[in-house]
Amino acid sequence: MKIKFAVPTAEKVLCSHFGHCAEFSIIDVEDGNILSENYITPPPHEPGLLPKWLHEQNVNIIIAGGMGSRAQSLFAQNGIEVFVGAPSKDPKELVKDYLENKLVTGVNRCDH
């Protein structure tokens, strides 16, 4: 089974606020194995734009530190599962944690 993850990053680690990230780590996984990781720059931030854009990138799962409730709802409408409250770690480590059922999430670090 193929899964595509997106992790918002700044300086190659998870960015605590989804909408303010410098780039996304896009990680392709097949049958539980990480196949590739690419960093892509998102379009300029506008409300409601990133859910559509990441859907067009074929992303299935987002691992984030914080994300507003409206964005979470828009991702759900686009068929993208969201995990918030993840620690600031290397994106591949976060995906590995997810694949091994060890991803620790806490409080959503976004208050809107």
PDB file of N, CA and C in Angstrom:
ATOM      1  N   MET A   1       0.834  -1.185   0.000  1.00  0.00           N
ATOM      2  CA  MET A   1       0.000   0.000   0.000  1.00  0.00           C
ATOM      3  C   MET A   1       0.880   1.250   0.000  1.00  0.00           C
ATOM      4  N   LYS A   2       0.538   2.197  -0.869  1.00  0.00           N
ATOM      5  CA  LYS A   2       1.292   3.444  -0.971  1.00  0.00           C
ATOM      6  C   LYS A   2       0.628   4.527  -0.136  1.00  0.00           C
ATOM      7  N   ILE A   3       1.464   5.285   0.586  1.00  0.00           N
ATOM      8  CA  ILE A   3       0.997   6.417   1.388  1.00  0.00           C
ATOM      9  C   ILE A   3       1.953   7.569   1.137  1.00  0.00           C
ATOM     10  N   LYS A   4       1.406   8.773   1.026  1.00  0.00           N
ATOM     11  CA  LYS A   4       2.237   9.961   0.873  1.00  0.00           C
ATOM     12  C   LYS A   4       1.982  10.878   2.067  1.00  0.00           C
ATOM     13  N   PHE A   5       3.069  11.199   2.771  1.00  0.00           N
ATOM     14  CA  PHE A   5       3.007  12.062   3.948  1.00  0.00           C
ATOM     15  C   PHE A   5       3.499  13.455   3.598  1.00  0.00           C
ATOM     16  N   ALA A   6       2.957  14.452   4.289  1.00  0.00           N
ATOM     17  CA  ALA A   6       3.475  15.820   4.221  1.00  0.00           C
ATOM     18  C   ALA A   6       3.759  16.273   5.648  1.00  0.00           C
ATOM     19  N   VAL A   7       4.953  16.823   5.839  1.00  0.00           N
ATOM     20  CA  VAL A   7       5.344  17.369   7.142  1.00  0.00           C
ATOM     21  C   VAL A   7       5.803  18.805   6.908  1.00  0.00           C
ATOM     22  N   PRO A   8       5.125  19.798   7.526  1.00  0.00           N
ATOM     23  CA  PRO A   8       5.566  21.184   7.363  1.00  0.00           C
ATOM     24  C   PRO A   8       6.897  21.369   8.087  1.00  0.00           C
ATOM     25  N   THR A   9       7.866  22.000   7.415  1.00  0.00           N
ATOM     26  CA  THR A   9       9.189  22.116   8.015  1.00  0.00           C
ATOM     27  C   THR A   9       9.750  23.534   7.942  1.00  0.00           C
ATOM     28  N   ALA A  10      10.712  23.759   8.821  1.00  0.00           N
ATOM     29  CA  ALA A  10      11.571  24.941   8.813  1.00  0.00           C
ATOM     30  C   ALA A  10      12.938  24.426   9.233  1.00  0.00           C
ATOM     31  N   GLU A  11      13.928  24.688   8.427  1.00  0.00           N
ATOM     32  CA  GLU A  11      15.289  24.202   8.684  1.00  0.00           C
ATOM     33  C   GLU A  11      15.329  22.682   8.854  1.00  0.00           C
ATOM     34  N   LYS A  12      14.554  21.988   8.045  1.00  0.00           N
ATOM     35  CA  LYS A  12      14.541  20.523   7.940  1.00  0.00           C
ATOM     36  C   LYS A  12      13.999  19.785   9.169  1.00  0.00           C
ATOM     37  N   VAL A  13      13.287  20.496  10.062  1.00  0.00           N
ATOM     38  CA  VAL A  13      12.561  19.837  11.160  1.00  0.00           C
ATOM     39  C   VAL A  13      11.130  20.356  11.153  1.00  0.00           C
ATOM     40  N   LEU A  14      10.248  19.613  11.810  1.00  0.00           N
ATOM     41  CA  LEU A  14       8.840  19.997  11.844  1.00  0.00           C
ATOM     42  C   LEU A  14       8.681  21.426  12.339  1.00  0.00           C
ATOM     43  N   CYS A  15       7.924  22.204  11.604  1.00  0.00           N
ATOM     44  CA  CYS A  15       7.596  23.585  11.963  1.00  0.00           C
ATOM     45  C   CYS A  15       6.362  23.540  12.860  1.00  0.00           C
ATOM     46  N   SER A  16       6.421  24.240  13.989  1.00  0.00           N
ATOM     47  CA  SER A  16       5.323  24.133  14.948  1.00  0.00           C
ATOM     48  C   SER A  16       4.005  24.704  14.452  1.00  0.00           C
ATOM     49  N   HIS A  17       4.034  25.628  13.513  1.00  0.00           N
ATOM     50  CA  HIS A  17       2.782  26.192  12.986  1.00  0.00           C
ATOM     51  C   HIS A  17       2.673  25.884  11.502  1.00  0.00           C
ATOM     52  N   PHE A  18       1.701  25.090  11.164  1.00  0.00           N
ATOM     53  CA  PHE A  18       1.498  24.581   9.812  1.00  0.00           C
ATOM     54  C   PHE A  18       1.533  25.659   8.738  1.00  0.00           C
ATOM     55  N   GLY A  19       0.773  26.714   8.904  1.00  0.00           N
ATOM     56  CA  GLY A  19       0.632  27.742   7.873  1.00  0.00           C
ATOM     57  C   GLY A  19       1.845  28.624   7.688  1.00  0.00           C
ATOM     58  N   HIS A  20       2.838  28.509   8.578  1.00  0.00           N
ATOM     59  CA  HIS A  20       4.011  29.368   8.492  1.00  0.00           C
ATOM     60  C   HIS A  20       5.275  28.616   8.101  1.00  0.00           C
ATOM     61  N   CYS A  21       5.118  27.414   7.581  1.00  0.00           N
ATOM     62  CA  CYS A  21       6.298  26.615   7.254  1.00  0.00           C
ATOM     63  C   CYS A  21       7.000  27.156   6.006  1.00  0.00           C
ATOM     64  N   ALA A  22       8.310  26.903   5.948  1.00  0.00           N
ATOM     65  CA  ALA A  22       9.103  27.333   4.801  1.00  0.00           C
ATOM     66  C   ALA A  22       8.957  26.362   3.634  1.00  0.00           C
ATOM     67  N   GLU A  23       8.765  25.091   3.963  1.00  0.00           N
ATOM     68  CA  GLU A  23       8.633  24.057   2.937  1.00  0.00           C
ATOM     69  C   GLU A  23       7.952  22.834   3.550  1.00  0.00           C
ATOM     70  N   PHE A  24       7.630  21.892   2.683  1.00  0.00           N
ATOM     71  CA  PHE A  24       7.056  20.632   3.129  1.00  0.00           C
ATOM     72  C   PHE A  24       7.993  19.497   2.772  1.00  0.00           C
ATOM     73  N   SER A  25       8.173  18.595   3.706  1.00  0.00           N
ATOM     74  CA  SER A  25       8.839  17.340   3.405  1.00  0.00           C
ATOM     75  C   SER A  25       7.737  16.411   2.915  1.00  0.00           C
ATOM     76  N   ILE A  26       7.876  15.925   1.695  1.00  0.00           N
ATOM     77  CA  ILE A  26       6.917  14.987   1.121  1.00  0.00           C
ATOM     78  C   ILE A  26       7.598  13.620   1.120  1.00  0.00           C
ATOM     79  N   ILE A  27       7.014  12.688   1.843  1.00  0.00           N
ATOM     80  CA  ILE A  27       7.638  11.382   2.035  1.00  0.00           C
ATOM     81  C   ILE A  27       6.732  10.298   1.469  1.00  0.00           C
ATOM     82  N   ASP A  28       7.283   9.539   0.525  1.00  0.00           N
ATOM     83  CA  ASP A  28       6.559   8.433  -0.091  1.00  0.00           C
ATOM     84  C   ASP A  28       6.884   7.143   0.645  1.00  0.00           C
ATOM     85  N   VAL A  29       5.819   6.394   0.982  1.00  0.00           N
ATOM     86  CA  VAL A  29       5.951   5.134   1.703  1.00  0.00           C
ATOM     87  C   VAL A  29       5.191   4.064   0.926  1.00  0.00           C
ATOM     88  N   GLU A  30       5.797   2.903   0.833  1.00  0.00           N
ATOM     89  CA  GLU A  30       5.109   1.764   0.226  1.00  0.00           C
ATOM     90  C   GLU A  30       5.375   0.540   1.081  1.00  0.00           C
ATOM     91  N   ASP A  31       4.288  -0.151   1.432  1.00  0.00           N
ATOM     92  CA  ASP A  31       4.370  -1.368   2.246  1.00  0.00           C
ATOM     93  C   ASP A  31       5.211  -1.159   3.504  1.00  0.00           C
ATOM     94  N   GLY A  32       5.044   0.005   4.147  1.00  0.00           N
ATOM     95  CA  GLY A  32       5.731   0.279   5.402  1.00  0.00           C
ATOM     96  C   GLY A  32       7.170   0.721   5.274  1.00  0.00           C
ATOM     97  N   ASN A  33       7.656   0.920   4.060  1.00  0.00           N
ATOM     98  CA  ASN A  33       9.044   1.343   3.838  1.00  0.00           C
ATOM     99  C   ASN A  33       9.085   2.731   3.222  1.00  0.00           C
ATOM    100  N   ILE A  34       9.959   3.597   3.756  1.00  0.00           N
ATOM    101  CA  ILE A  34      10.138   4.924   3.189  1.00  0.00           C
ATOM    102  C   ILE A  34      10.914   4.783   1.883  1.00  0.00           C
ATOM    103  N   LEU A  35      10.310   5.256   0.785  1.00  0.00           N
ATOM    104  CA  LEU A  35      10.939   5.176  -0.530  1.00  0.00           C
ATOM    105  C   LEU A  35      11.710   6.439  -0.885  1.00  0.00           C
ATOM    106  N   SER A  36      11.138   7.597  -0.545  1.00  0.00           N
ATOM    107  CA  SER A  36      11.787   8.852  -0.922  1.00  0.00           C
ATOM    108  C   SER A  36      11.302   9.990  -0.038  1.00  0.00           C
ATOM    109  N   GLU A  37      12.113  11.041  -0.014  1.00  0.00           N
ATOM    110  CA  GLU A  37      11.760  12.280   0.679  1.00  0.00           C
ATOM    111  C   GLU A  37      12.174  13.432  -0.216  1.00  0.00           C
ATOM    112  N   ASN A  38      11.243  14.345  -0.456  1.00  0.00           N
ATOM    113  CA  ASN A  38      11.515  15.535  -1.255  1.00  0.00           C
ATOM    114  C   ASN A  38      10.996  16.746  -0.501  1.00  0.00           C
ATOM    115  N   TYR A  39      11.725  17.829  -0.597  1.00  0.00           N
ATOM    116  CA  TYR A  39      11.278  19.093   0.002  1.00  0.00           C
ATOM    117  C   TYR A  39      10.718  19.973  -1.100  1.00  0.00           C
ATOM    118  N   ILE A  40       9.503  20.475  -0.872  1.00  0.00           N
ATOM    119  CA  ILE A  40       8.885  21.366  -1.862  1.00  0.00           C
ATOM    120  C   ILE A  40       8.404  22.639  -1.166  1.00  0.00           C
ATOM    121  N   THR A  41       8.502  23.732  -1.885  1.00  0.00           N
ATOM    122  CA  THR A  41       8.073  25.027  -1.367  1.00  0.00           C
ATOM    123  C   THR A  41       6.594  25.221  -1.677  1.00  0.00           C
ATOM    124  N   PRO A  42       5.792  25.560  -0.664  1.00  0.00           N
ATOM    125  CA  PRO A  42       4.361  25.764  -0.913  1.00  0.00           C
ATOM    126  C   PRO A  42       4.108  27.107  -1.601  1.00  0.00           C
ATOM    127  N   PRO A  43       2.945  27.242  -2.199  1.00  0.00           N
ATOM    128  CA  PRO A  43       2.573  28.548  -2.754  1.00  0.00           C
ATOM    129  C   PRO A  43       2.389  29.533  -1.595  1.00  0.00           C
ATOM    130  N   PRO A  44       2.370  30.838  -1.877  1.00  0.00           N
ATOM    131  CA  PRO A  44       2.158  31.826  -0.808  1.00  0.00           C
ATOM    132  C   PRO A  44       0.893  31.486  -0.007  1.00  0.00           C
ATOM    133  N   HIS A  45       1.002  31.629   1.309  1.00  0.00           N
ATOM    134  CA  HIS A  45      -0.094  31.228   2.197  1.00  0.00           C
ATOM    135  C   HIS A  45      -1.331  32.103   2.006  1.00  0.00           C
ATOM    136  N   GLU A  46      -2.427  31.435   1.754  1.00  0.00           N
ATOM    137  CA  GLU A  46      -3.751  32.063   1.701  1.00  0.00           C
ATOM    138  C   GLU A  46      -4.702  31.096   2.385  1.00  0.00           C
ATOM    139  N   PRO A  47      -5.669  31.577   3.141  1.00  0.00           N
ATOM    140  CA  PRO A  47      -6.608  30.670   3.794  1.00  0.00           C
ATOM    141  C   PRO A  47      -7.275  29.728   2.780  1.00  0.00           C
ATOM    142  N   GLY A  48      -7.236  28.445   3.078  1.00  0.00           N
ATOM    143  CA  GLY A  48      -7.899  27.444   2.249  1.00  0.00           C
ATOM    144  C   GLY A  48      -7.100  26.933   1.073  1.00  0.00           C
ATOM    145  N   LEU A  49      -5.936  27.508   0.781  1.00  0.00           N
ATOM    146  CA  LEU A  49      -5.160  27.114  -0.384  1.00  0.00           C
ATOM    147  C   LEU A  49      -4.380  25.808  -0.184  1.00  0.00           C
ATOM    148  N   LEU A  50      -3.746  25.644   0.977  1.00  0.00           N
ATOM    149  CA  LEU A  50      -2.885  24.481   1.192  1.00  0.00           C
ATOM    150  C   LEU A  50      -3.628  23.143   1.159  1.00  0.00           C
ATOM    151  N   PRO A  51      -4.843  23.041   1.673  1.00  0.00           N
ATOM    152  CA  PRO A  51      -5.535  21.746   1.560  1.00  0.00           C
ATOM    153  C   PRO A  51      -5.710  21.295   0.106  1.00  0.00           C
ATOM    154  N   LYS A  52      -6.097  22.209  -0.757  1.00  0.00           N
ATOM    155  CA  LYS A  52      -6.267  21.864  -2.172  1.00  0.00           C
ATOM    156  C   LYS A  52      -4.919  21.520  -2.802  1.00  0.00           C
ATOM    157  N   TRP A  53      -3.900  22.335  -2.504  1.00  0.00           N
ATOM    158  CA  TRP A  53      -2.573  22.140  -3.088  1.00  0.00           C
ATOM    159  C   TRP A  53      -1.967  20.795  -2.663  1.00  0.00           C
ATOM    160  N   LEU A  54      -2.069  20.455  -1.371  1.00  0.00           N
ATOM    161  CA  LEU A  54      -1.516  19.175  -0.913  1.00  0.00           C
ATOM    162  C   LEU A  54      -2.324  17.999  -1.448  1.00  0.00           C
ATOM    163  N   HIS A  55      -3.623  18.184  -1.625  1.00  0.00           N
ATOM    164  CA  HIS A  55      -4.445  17.143  -2.262  1.00  0.00           C
ATOM    165  C   HIS A  55      -3.948  16.900  -3.694  1.00  0.00           C
ATOM    166  N   GLU A  56      -3.621  17.979  -4.399  1.00  0.00           N
ATOM    167  CA  GLU A  56      -3.090  17.850  -5.764  1.00  0.00           C
ATOM    168  C   GLU A  56      -1.718  17.163  -5.788  1.00  0.00           C
ATOM    169  N   GLN A  57      -0.996  17.203  -4.653  1.00  0.00           N
ATOM    170  CA  GLN A  57       0.298  16.518  -4.537  1.00  0.00           C
ATOM    171  C   GLN A  57       0.097  15.043  -4.143  1.00  0.00           C
ATOM    172  N   ASN A  58      -1.167  14.617  -4.038  1.00  0.00           N
ATOM    173  CA  ASN A  58      -1.538  13.245  -3.666  1.00  0.00           C
ATOM    174  C   ASN A  58      -1.157  12.869  -2.237  1.00  0.00           C
ATOM    175  N   VAL A  59      -1.145  13.848  -1.338  1.00  0.00           N
ATOM    176  CA  VAL A  59      -0.837  13.592   0.066  1.00  0.00           C
ATOM    177  C   VAL A  59      -2.029  12.896   0.726  1.00  0.00           C
ATOM    178  N   ASN A  60      -1.723  11.882   1.553  1.00  0.00           N
ATOM    179  CA  ASN A  60      -2.753  11.157   2.296  1.00  0.00           C
ATOM    180  C   ASN A  60      -2.793  11.537   3.768  1.00  0.00           C
ATOM    181  N   ILE A  61      -1.608  11.848   4.336  1.00  0.00           N
ATOM    182  CA  ILE A  61      -1.484  12.091   5.772  1.00  0.00           C
ATOM    183  C   ILE A  61      -0.571  13.284   6.013  1.00  0.00           C
ATOM    184  N   ILE A  62      -0.980  14.156   6.950  1.00  0.00           N
ATOM    185  CA  ILE A  62      -0.152  15.277   7.384  1.00  0.00           C
ATOM    186  C   ILE A  62       0.188  15.068   8.849  1.00  0.00           C
ATOM    187  N   ILE A  63       1.456  15.257   9.169  1.00  0.00           N
ATOM    188  CA  ILE A  63       1.899  15.258  10.558  1.00  0.00           C
ATOM    189  C   ILE A  63       2.344  16.683  10.851  1.00  0.00           C
ATOM    190  N   ALA A  64       1.694  17.326  11.826  1.00  0.00           N
ATOM    191  CA  ALA A  64       1.941  18.739  12.101  1.00  0.00           C
ATOM    192  C   ALA A  64       2.081  18.993  13.598  1.00  0.00           C
ATOM    193  N   GLY A  65       2.635  20.151  13.914  1.00  0.00           N
ATOM    194  CA  GLY A  65       2.713  20.579  15.305  1.00  0.00           C
ATOM    195  C   GLY A  65       1.418  21.254  15.703  1.00  0.00           C
ATOM    196  N   GLY A  66       1.017  22.245  14.918  1.00  0.00           N
ATOM    197  CA  GLY A  66      -0.217  22.967  15.189  1.00  0.00           C
ATOM    198  C   GLY A  66      -0.915  23.333  13.894  1.00  0.00           C
ATOM    199  N   MET A  67      -2.242  23.321  13.958  1.00  0.00           N
ATOM    200  CA  MET A  67      -3.036  23.640  12.770  1.00  0.00           C
ATOM    201  C   MET A  67      -4.416  24.103  13.225  1.00  0.00           C
ATOM    202  N   GLY A  68      -4.905  25.157  12.621  1.00  0.00           N
ATOM    203  CA  GLY A  68      -6.221  25.670  12.955  1.00  0.00           C
ATOM    204  C   GLY A  68      -7.336  24.688  12.620  1.00  0.00           C
ATOM    205  N   SER A  69      -8.444  24.812  13.319  1.00  0.00           N
ATOM    206  CA  SER A  69      -9.558  23.880  13.132  1.00  0.00           C
ATOM    207  C   SER A  69     -10.167  23.985  11.731  1.00  0.00           C
ATOM    208  N   ARG A  70     -10.186  25.189  11.150  1.00  0.00           N
ATOM    209  CA  ARG A  70     -10.730  25.332   9.789  1.00  0.00           C
ATOM    210  C   ARG A  70      -9.874  24.557   8.795  1.00  0.00           C
ATOM    211  N   ALA A  71      -8.550  24.678   8.918  1.00  0.00           N
ATOM    212  CA  ALA A  71      -7.652  23.944   8.022  1.00  0.00           C
ATOM    213  C   ALA A  71      -7.848  22.438   8.195  1.00  0.00           C
ATOM    214  N   GLN A  72      -7.973  21.975   9.426  1.00  0.00           N
ATOM    215  CA  GLN A  72      -8.187  20.546   9.665  1.00  0.00           C
ATOM    216  C   GLN A  72      -9.456  20.072   8.970  1.00  0.00           C
ATOM    217  N   SER A  73     -10.496  20.884   9.048  1.00  0.00           N
ATOM    218  CA  SER A  73     -11.768  20.543   8.405  1.00  0.00           C
ATOM    219  C   SER A  73     -11.615  20.489   6.882  1.00  0.00           C
ATOM    220  N   LEU A  74     -10.884  21.442   6.307  1.00  0.00           N
ATOM    221  CA  LEU A  74     -10.673  21.456   4.855  1.00  0.00           C
ATOM    222  C   LEU A  74      -9.845  20.252   4.405  1.00  0.00           C
ATOM    223  N   PHE A  75      -8.863  19.852   5.208  1.00  0.00           N
ATOM    224  CA  PHE A  75      -8.094  18.657   4.858  1.00  0.00           C
ATOM    225  C   PHE A  75      -8.980  17.420   4.899  1.00  0.00           C
ATOM    226  N   ALA A  76      -9.838  17.329   5.904  1.00  0.00           N
ATOM    227  CA  ALA A  76     -10.756  16.190   5.992  1.00  0.00           C
ATOM    228  C   ALA A  76     -11.645  16.132   4.750  1.00  0.00           C
ATOM    229  N   GLN A  77     -12.130  17.295   4.295  1.00  0.00           N
ATOM    230  CA  GLN A  77     -12.967  17.352   3.095  1.00  0.00           C
ATOM    231  C   GLN A  77     -12.196  16.896   1.851  1.00  0.00           C
ATOM    232  N   ASN A  78     -10.873  17.031   1.880  1.00  0.00           N
ATOM    233  CA  ASN A  78     -10.026  16.604   0.765  1.00  0.00           C
ATOM    234  C   ASN A  78      -9.491  15.191   0.955  1.00  0.00           C
ATOM    235  N   GLY A  79      -9.986  14.481   1.965  1.00  0.00           N
ATOM    236  CA  GLY A  79      -9.583  13.099   2.183  1.00  0.00           C
ATOM    237  C   GLY A  79      -8.185  12.934   2.756  1.00  0.00           C
ATOM    238  N   ILE A  80      -7.688  13.966   3.438  1.00  0.00           N
ATOM    239  CA  ILE A  80      -6.345  13.924   4.013  1.00  0.00           C
ATOM    240  C   ILE A  80      -6.467  13.844   5.532  1.00  0.00           C
ATOM    241  N   GLU A  81      -5.828  12.826   6.118  1.00  0.00           N
ATOM    242  CA  GLU A  81      -5.840  12.633   7.566  1.00  0.00           C
ATOM    243  C   GLU A  81      -4.771  13.530   8.187  1.00  0.00           C
ATOM    244  N   VAL A  82      -5.101  14.146   9.329  1.00  0.00           N
ATOM    245  CA  VAL A  82      -4.198  15.088   9.978  1.00  0.00           C
ATOM    246  C   VAL A  82      -3.907  14.641  11.406  1.00  0.00           C
ATOM    247  N   PHE A  83      -2.627  14.682  11.764  1.00  0.00           N
ATOM    248  CA  PHE A  83      -2.194  14.446  13.142  1.00  0.00           C
ATOM    249  C   PHE A  83      -1.513  15.716  13.619  1.00  0.00           C
ATOM    250  N   VAL A  84      -1.992  16.296  14.726  1.00  0.00           N
ATOM    251  CA  VAL A  84      -1.401  17.520  15.268  1.00  0.00           C
ATOM    252  C   VAL A  84      -0.779  17.238  16.629  1.00  0.00           C
ATOM    253  N   GLY A  85       0.068  18.167  17.052  1.00  0.00           N
ATOM    254  CA  GLY A  85       0.725  18.033  18.348  1.00  0.00           C
ATOM    255  C   GLY A  85       1.992  17.201  18.293  1.00  0.00           C
ATOM    256  N   ALA A  86       2.516  16.988  17.084  1.00  0.00           N
ATOM    257  CA  ALA A  86       3.752  16.212  16.928  1.00  0.00           C
ATOM    258  C   ALA A  86       4.942  17.056  17.378  1.00  0.00           C
ATOM    259  N   PRO A  87       6.000  16.401  17.848  1.00  0.00           N
ATOM    260  CA  PRO A  87       7.191  17.144  18.297  1.00  0.00           C
ATOM    261  C   PRO A  87       8.032  17.625  17.117  1.00  0.00           C
ATOM    262  N   SER A  88       8.864  18.621  17.363  1.00  0.00           N
ATOM    263  CA  SER A  88       9.769  19.144  16.330  1.00  0.00           C
ATOM    264  C   SER A  88      10.926  18.172  16.146  1.00  0.00           C
ATOM    265  N   LYS A  89      10.784  17.304  15.168  1.00  0.00           N
ATOM    266  CA  LYS A  89      11.778  16.285  14.855  1.00  0.00           C
ATOM    267  C   LYS A  89      11.989  16.247  13.348  1.00  0.00           C
ATOM    268  N   ASP A  90      12.956  15.472  12.934  1.00  0.00           N
ATOM    269  CA  ASP A  90      13.193  15.210  11.526  1.00  0.00           C
ATOM    270  C   ASP A  90      11.950  14.552  10.920  1.00  0.00           C
ATOM    271  N   PRO A  91      11.485  14.998   9.753  1.00  0.00           N
ATOM    272  CA  PRO A  91      10.266  14.443   9.159  1.00  0.00           C
ATOM    273  C   PRO A  91      10.299  12.919   8.972  1.00  0.00           C
ATOM    274  N   LYS A  92      11.435  12.380   8.524  1.00  0.00           N
ATOM    275  CA  LYS A  92      11.497  10.928   8.339  1.00  0.00           C
ATOM    276  C   LYS A  92      11.370  10.188   9.671  1.00  0.00           C
ATOM    277  N   GLU A  93      11.898  10.759  10.746  1.00  0.00           N
ATOM    278  CA  GLU A  93      11.723  10.152  12.067  1.00  0.00           C
ATOM    279  C   GLU A  93      10.248  10.127  12.452  1.00  0.00           C
ATOM    280  N   LEU A  94       9.543  11.223  12.168  1.00  0.00           N
ATOM    281  CA  LEU A  94       8.111  11.281  12.485  1.00  0.00           C
ATOM    282  C   LEU A  94       7.327  10.230  11.711  1.00  0.00           C
ATOM    283  N   VAL A  95       7.629  10.089  10.423  1.00  0.00           N
ATOM    284  CA  VAL A  95       6.937   9.088   9.606  1.00  0.00           C
ATOM    285  C   VAL A  95       7.274   7.687  10.098  1.00  0.00           C
ATOM    286  N   LYS A  96       8.537   7.454  10.421  1.00  0.00           N
ATOM    287  CA  LYS A  96       8.933   6.156  10.972  1.00  0.00           C
ATOM    288  C   LYS A  96       8.162   5.858  12.254  1.00  0.00           C
ATOM    289  N   ASP A  97       8.057   6.866  13.132  1.00  0.00           N
ATOM    290  CA  ASP A  97       7.284   6.698  14.365  1.00  0.00           C
ATOM    291  C   ASP A  97       5.838   6.331  14.044  1.00  0.00           C
ATOM    292  N   TYR A  98       5.251   7.008  13.059  1.00  0.00           N
ATOM    293  CA  TYR A  98       3.878   6.706  12.657  1.00  0.00           C
ATOM    294  C   TYR A  98       3.766   5.254  12.185  1.00  0.00           C
ATOM    295  N   LEU A  99       4.677   4.857  11.318  1.00  0.00           N
ATOM    296  CA  LEU A  99       4.628   3.499  10.750  1.00  0.00           C
ATOM    297  C   LEU A  99       4.799   2.422  11.821  1.00  0.00           C
ATOM    298  N   GLU A 100       5.530   2.748  12.881  1.00  0.00           N
ATOM    299  CA  GLU A 100       5.766   1.797  13.967  1.00  0.00           C
ATOM    300  C   GLU A 100       4.774   1.971  15.115  1.00  0.00           C
ATOM    301  N   ASN A 101       3.702   2.754  14.878  1.00  0.00           N
ATOM    302  CA  ASN A 101       2.685   3.049  15.904  1.00  0.00           C
ATOM    303  C   ASN A 101       3.293   3.658  17.155  1.00  0.00           C
ATOM    304  N   LYS A 102       4.325   4.504  16.966  1.00  0.00           N
ATOM    305  CA  LYS A 102       4.995   5.162  18.087  1.00  0.00           C
ATOM    306  C   LYS A 102       4.895   6.683  18.015  1.00  0.00           C
ATOM    307  N   LEU A 103       4.107   7.205  17.077  1.00  0.00           N
ATOM    308  CA  LEU A 103       4.002   8.657  16.940  1.00  0.00           C
ATOM    309  C   LEU A 103       3.293   9.224  18.160  1.00  0.00           C
ATOM    310  N   VAL A 104       3.994  10.095  18.867  1.00  0.00           N
ATOM    311  CA  VAL A 104       3.432  10.732  20.055  1.00  0.00           C
ATOM    312  C   VAL A 104       2.935  12.114  19.654  1.00  0.00           C
ATOM    313  N   THR A 105       1.654  12.340  19.867  1.00  0.00           N
ATOM    314  CA  THR A 105       1.086  13.657  19.601  1.00  0.00           C
ATOM    315  C   THR A 105       0.559  14.223  20.908  1.00  0.00           C
ATOM    316  N   GLY A 106       0.601  15.531  21.002  1.00  0.00           N
ATOM    317  CA  GLY A 106       0.142  16.188  22.223  1.00  0.00           C
ATOM    318  C   GLY A 106      -0.878  17.251  21.878  1.00  0.00           C
ATOM    319  N   VAL A 107      -0.718  18.371  22.516  1.00  0.00           N
ATOM    320  CA  VAL A 107      -1.636  19.492  22.345  1.00  0.00           C
ATOM    321  C   VAL A 107      -1.389  20.161  21.000  1.00  0.00           C
ATOM    322  N   ASN A 108      -2.468  20.494  20.322  1.00  0.00           N
ATOM    323  CA  ASN A 108      -2.384  21.249  19.073  1.00  0.00           C
ATOM    324  C   ASN A 108      -1.731  22.589  19.387  1.00  0.00           C
ATOM    325  N   ARG A 109      -0.621  22.891  18.730  1.00  0.00           N
ATOM    326  CA  ARG A 109       0.114  24.118  19.017  1.00  0.00           C
ATOM    327  C   ARG A 109      -0.399  25.309  18.219  1.00  0.00           C
ATOM    328  N   CYS A 110      -1.667  25.301  17.897  1.00  0.00           N
ATOM    329  CA  CYS A 110      -2.286  26.406  17.169  1.00  0.00           C
ATOM    330  C   CYS A 110      -3.567  26.775  17.913  1.00  0.00           C
ATOM    331  N   ASP A 111      -3.804  28.067  18.077  1.00  0.00           N
ATOM    332  CA  ASP A 111      -4.963  28.477  18.861  1.00  0.00           C
ATOM    333  C   ASP A 111      -6.071  29.121  18.031  1.00  0.00           C
ATOM    334  N   HIS A 112      -6.075  28.850  16.714  1.00  0.00           N
ATOM    335  CA  HIS A 112      -7.187  29.399  15.903  1.00  0.00           C
ATOM    336  C   HIS A 112      -7.726  28.346  14.952  1.00  0.00           C
TER     337      HIS A 112
END
